[in-house]
Protein backbone atom coordinates (compact mmCIF):
# COMPACT_ATOMS: atom_id res chain seq x y z
CA MET A 1 20.83 -3.08 65.62
CA ASP A 2 19.12 -0.62 63.24
CA LYS A 3 15.41 -0.27 62.72
CA THR A 4 15.48 -1.85 59.26
CA THR A 5 16.94 -4.95 60.61
CA GLU A 6 14.55 -5.08 63.51
CA ARG A 7 11.56 -4.72 61.18
CA THR A 8 12.99 -7.53 59.01
CA ILE A 9 13.34 -9.76 61.99
CA LEU A 10 9.82 -8.87 63.12
CA LYS A 11 8.36 -9.73 59.63
CA VAL A 12 10.04 -12.96 59.42
CA THR A 13 9.08 -13.86 63.08
CA LEU A 14 5.26 -12.93 62.32
CA GLY A 15 5.55 -14.68 59.10
CA LEU A 16 6.80 -17.87 60.61
CA LEU A 17 4.00 -17.52 63.29
CA VAL A 18 1.15 -17.32 60.55
CA VAL A 19 2.54 -20.39 58.68
CA MET A 20 2.46 -22.38 62.15
CA ILE A 21 -0.93 -21.31 62.71
CA LEU A 22 -2.05 -22.28 59.22
CA ALA A 23 -0.15 -25.56 59.41
CA THR A 24 -2.02 -26.31 62.74
CA GLY A 25 -5.46 -25.75 61.08
CA VAL A 26 -4.61 -27.97 58.23
CA PHE A 27 -3.56 -30.68 60.49
CA ILE A 28 -6.65 -30.42 62.80
CA ALA A 29 -9.04 -30.26 59.66
CA SER A 30 -7.10 -33.27 58.14
CA ALA A 31 -7.79 -35.29 61.57
CA VAL A 32 -11.16 -34.46 61.77
CA THR A 33 -11.82 -35.58 58.18
CA SER A 34 -10.20 -38.65 58.79
CA GLN A 35 -12.29 -39.46 61.80
CA LYS A 36 -15.45 -38.79 59.92
CA SER A 37 -14.03 -41.03 56.98
CA GLN A 38 -13.44 -43.92 59.35
CA GLU A 39 -16.98 -43.44 61.09
CA ASP A 40 -18.49 -43.70 57.43
CA ASP A 41 -16.52 -46.89 56.67
CA ASP A 42 -17.87 -48.48 60.06
CA ASP A 43 -21.36 -47.47 59.03
CA GLU A 44 -20.79 -49.19 55.51
CA ASN A 45 -19.51 -52.26 57.27
CA GLU A 46 -22.50 -53.15 59.04
CA ALA A 47 -24.44 -56.18 57.63
CA ALA A 48 -28.14 -56.23 57.68
CA ILE A 49 -29.72 -59.53 59.18
CA THR A 50 -31.19 -61.51 56.15
CA GLY A 51 -33.33 -64.52 55.68
CA SER A 52 -34.92 -66.69 58.38
CA ALA A 53 -32.67 -64.91 60.81
CA LEU A 54 -34.28 -61.62 60.09
CA GLU A 55 -37.64 -63.06 60.78
CA GLU A 56 -36.49 -64.52 64.14
CA ALA A 57 -34.63 -61.48 65.46
CA SER A 58 -37.27 -59.17 64.20
CA ALA A 59 -39.96 -61.41 66.06
CA ALA A 60 -37.84 -61.59 69.30
CA ALA A 61 -37.16 -57.93 69.41
CA LEU A 62 -40.90 -56.93 68.81
CA ASN A 63 -42.21 -59.45 71.42
CA TYR A 64 -39.69 -57.94 73.78
CA ILE A 65 -40.62 -54.35 73.19
CA GLY A 66 -44.44 -55.09 72.74
CA GLN A 67 -44.85 -52.40 69.82
CA GLY A 68 -43.55 -50.65 66.79
CA ARG A 69 -41.93 -51.76 63.77
CA VAL A 70 -38.48 -53.08 62.73
CA THR A 71 -36.64 -50.22 60.79
CA GLU A 72 -33.00 -51.42 60.75
CA THR A 73 -30.94 -54.56 61.61
CA GLU A 74 -27.36 -55.66 62.13
CA VAL A 75 -25.36 -58.58 62.51
CA GLY A 76 -22.32 -58.68 64.55
CA ASP A 77 -23.33 -55.73 66.76
CA GLU A 78 -20.81 -54.62 69.49
CA GLU A 79 -23.37 -55.14 71.99
CA GLY A 80 -24.66 -58.53 70.89
CA TYR A 81 -24.69 -61.03 67.83
CA TYR A 82 -27.68 -59.07 66.30
CA GLU A 83 -29.18 -55.61 66.86
CA VAL A 84 -32.72 -54.83 65.86
CA GLU A 85 -33.88 -51.15 65.65
CA ILE A 86 -37.48 -50.79 66.44
CA THR A 87 -39.34 -47.49 66.05
CA LEU A 88 -42.14 -47.24 68.46
CA ASP A 89 -45.43 -45.86 67.76
CA ASN A 90 -44.28 -42.60 69.33
CA GLY A 91 -41.47 -42.16 66.95
CA GLN A 92 -38.74 -43.14 69.59
CA GLN A 93 -36.24 -45.76 68.70
CA VAL A 94 -35.03 -48.61 70.54
CA ASP A 95 -32.17 -50.74 69.87
CA VAL A 96 -32.72 -54.52 70.91
CA HIS A 97 -29.60 -56.53 71.34
CA LEU A 98 -29.73 -60.44 70.79
CA ASP A 99 -27.50 -63.25 71.27
CA GLU A 100 -26.81 -65.91 68.29
CA ASN A 101 -29.80 -67.90 69.52
CA PHE A 102 -32.11 -64.81 69.53
CA ASN A 103 -32.31 -64.28 73.23
CA VAL A 104 -32.72 -60.74 74.47
CA LEU A 105 -29.46 -59.27 76.02
CA GLY A 106 -30.74 -55.84 76.56
CA HIS A 107 -31.90 -52.61 74.86
CA GLU A 108 -31.04 -49.03 74.35
CA SER A 109 -33.41 -46.34 73.56
CA ASP A 110 -33.09 -42.70 72.32
CA SER A 111 -33.73 -41.35 75.71
CA ASP A 112 -30.78 -43.56 77.16
CA GLU A 113 -28.38 -41.92 74.77
CA GLU A 114 -29.49 -38.56 75.48
CA ASP A 115 -28.78 -38.95 79.26
CA ASP A 116 -25.17 -39.96 78.64
């Protein structure tokens, strides 16, 4: 095999390698974007608690925690029927999980999540 043929084979091989690397990068970027889009869709599907249920869930959660203010709510939470987010006086956030009868199932705080 002469030098010209060897160089041509080397150029074609390197070109294919570059194309494969770029295609892999595009695939990874697409997968990350798709995952982020799914997470955004999940956040948009969260329904806030309304009406008298909001009042009862808020009162139950605040009574359980003993301080703070309700900053966000959700119906159909994965840990319970209702989720009430409370921002404590020190700025920390606590999610209180309630069943459909407004009984406290448990809670999760910012510090709990940081330990994971």
